[in-house]
Amino acid sequence: MRRRDDAGRFRFVPFQDDEALRATGVTREEAADAMYLVTDEGVRWSGGLAVARVIEDLPHGRFLGRLLRLPVLRQLLGFGYRLVADHRHAVSRLAGPGCDVPAAADSPRDT
């Protein structure tokens, strides 16, 4: 997502950055469990819906992002998101360089 954000619309914050998390209102536990998108207005989107919302704001992503928020696709996206999130370290290894996922030792869910 970061690579596709040519306009710098998003600020990506690692869940280990307590100060940055406090500014968003997202707890470390919440951030360790799911990706969050927090708008300037304070609206919070998490998990698959956050992914859909980010896609919607990326260049040429409006149609796909809105499509992913339709009821049936939203459920499938939520399932797919949880599957990837629960196995993010393996996915990160498969994705190779550029996938900024912290090591398993850094994750509170894994300790």
Protein backbone atom coordinates (compact mmCIF):
# COMPACT_ATOMS: atom_id res chain seq x y z
CA MET A 1 0.00 0.00 0.00
CA ARG A 2 2.80 2.36 0.87
CA ARG A 3 4.33 1.96 -2.60
CA ARG A 4 1.04 2.82 -4.29
CA ASP A 5 0.51 5.93 -2.15
CA ASP A 6 2.28 8.29 -4.59
CA ALA A 7 0.56 11.36 -3.16
CA GLY A 8 1.52 10.59 0.45
CA ARG A 9 -2.11 10.47 1.60
CA PHE A 10 -1.38 8.00 4.40
CA ARG A 11 0.95 7.87 7.36
CA PHE A 12 1.91 4.32 8.26
CA VAL A 13 2.58 3.81 11.97
CA PRO A 14 4.10 0.60 13.37
CA PHE A 15 2.15 -0.73 16.35
CA GLN A 16 5.31 -0.61 18.45
CA ASP A 17 5.33 3.23 18.28
CA ASP A 18 3.33 4.07 21.42
CA GLU A 19 3.55 7.84 20.92
CA ALA A 20 2.22 7.68 17.36
CA LEU A 21 -0.53 5.28 18.44
CA ARG A 22 -1.64 7.63 21.22
CA ALA A 23 -2.07 10.35 18.59
CA THR A 24 -4.45 8.08 16.64
CA GLY A 25 -6.42 6.81 19.63
CA VAL A 26 -5.65 3.20 18.70
CA THR A 27 -4.25 1.00 21.48
CA ARG A 28 -1.22 -1.22 20.98
CA GLU A 29 -3.44 -4.29 21.44
CA GLU A 30 -5.87 -3.09 18.77
CA ALA A 31 -3.02 -2.29 16.38
CA ALA A 32 -1.39 -5.69 16.99
CA ASP A 33 -4.67 -7.39 16.05
CA ALA A 34 -5.58 -5.44 12.91
CA MET A 35 -4.64 -2.66 10.56
CA TYR A 36 -6.37 0.64 11.36
CA LEU A 37 -7.15 3.64 9.21
CA VAL A 38 -7.91 6.76 11.22
CA THR A 39 -9.21 9.72 9.24
CA ASP A 40 -8.45 13.36 10.00
CA GLU A 41 -11.98 13.53 11.43
CA GLY A 42 -11.20 10.68 13.85
CA VAL A 43 -13.28 8.01 12.07
CA ARG A 44 -11.69 4.58 12.62
CA TRP A 45 -11.75 1.74 10.11
CA SER A 46 -10.12 -1.60 10.97
CA GLY A 47 -9.18 -4.87 9.32
CA GLY A 48 -10.59 -5.58 5.89
CA LEU A 49 -12.71 -2.44 5.88
CA ALA A 50 -9.55 -0.37 6.48
CA VAL A 51 -7.93 -2.09 3.51
CA ALA A 52 -10.98 -1.37 1.32
CA ARG A 53 -11.00 2.27 2.43
CA VAL A 54 -7.28 2.68 1.67
CA ILE A 55 -7.71 1.08 -1.76
CA GLU A 56 -10.58 3.48 -2.42
CA ASP A 57 -8.29 6.46 -1.78
CA LEU A 58 -5.40 5.18 -3.91
CA PRO A 59 -5.06 6.21 -7.56
CA HIS A 60 -7.53 4.23 -9.71
CA GLY A 61 -8.85 2.38 -6.65
CA ARG A 62 -12.19 4.10 -6.06
CA PHE A 63 -14.32 1.49 -7.84
CA LEU A 64 -12.55 -1.52 -6.30
CA GLY A 65 -12.53 -0.01 -2.80
CA ARG A 66 -16.26 0.66 -2.93
CA LEU A 67 -16.95 -2.74 -4.43
CA LEU A 68 -15.09 -4.43 -1.56
CA ARG A 69 -17.39 -2.72 0.94
CA LEU A 70 -20.54 -4.33 -0.50
CA PRO A 71 -22.05 -6.82 2.00
CA VAL A 72 -21.02 -10.16 0.43
CA LEU A 73 -17.58 -8.97 -0.64
CA ARG A 74 -17.07 -7.26 2.72
CA GLN A 75 -17.56 -10.63 4.44
CA LEU A 76 -15.11 -12.31 2.08
CA LEU A 77 -12.63 -9.48 2.55
CA GLY A 78 -12.95 -9.79 6.32
CA PHE A 79 -12.29 -13.52 6.14
CA GLY A 80 -9.31 -13.04 3.82
CA TYR A 81 -7.95 -10.21 5.94
CA ARG A 82 -8.12 -12.30 9.13
CA LEU A 83 -6.45 -15.25 7.38
CA VAL A 84 -3.54 -13.07 6.21
CA ALA A 85 -3.32 -11.16 9.52
CA ASP A 86 -3.19 -14.35 11.56
CA HIS A 87 -0.34 -15.62 9.35
CA ARG A 88 1.33 -12.28 8.65
CA HIS A 89 4.84 -13.42 9.50
CA ALA A 90 4.68 -16.29 7.00
CA VAL A 91 3.10 -13.96 4.42
CA SER A 92 5.88 -11.44 5.06
CA ARG A 93 8.54 -14.08 4.42
CA LEU A 94 6.81 -15.06 1.17
CA ALA A 95 6.35 -11.45 0.07
CA GLY A 96 10.05 -10.73 0.49
CA PRO A 97 11.73 -7.34 0.93
CA GLY A 98 9.47 -4.34 1.18
CA CYS A 99 6.83 -5.96 3.36
CA ASP A 100 7.28 -4.02 6.60
CA VAL A 101 5.96 -6.51 9.14
CA PRO A 102 7.78 -6.65 12.49
CA ALA A 103 9.47 -9.86 13.55
CA ALA A 104 7.40 -12.35 15.52
CA ALA A 105 9.33 -11.56 18.70
CA ASP A 106 8.05 -7.97 18.52
CA SER A 107 4.38 -8.95 18.42
CA PRO A 108 2.40 -9.08 21.68
CA ARG A 109 0.09 -11.71 20.15
CA ASP A 110 3.02 -14.04 19.70
CA THR A 111 4.40 -13.84 23.25
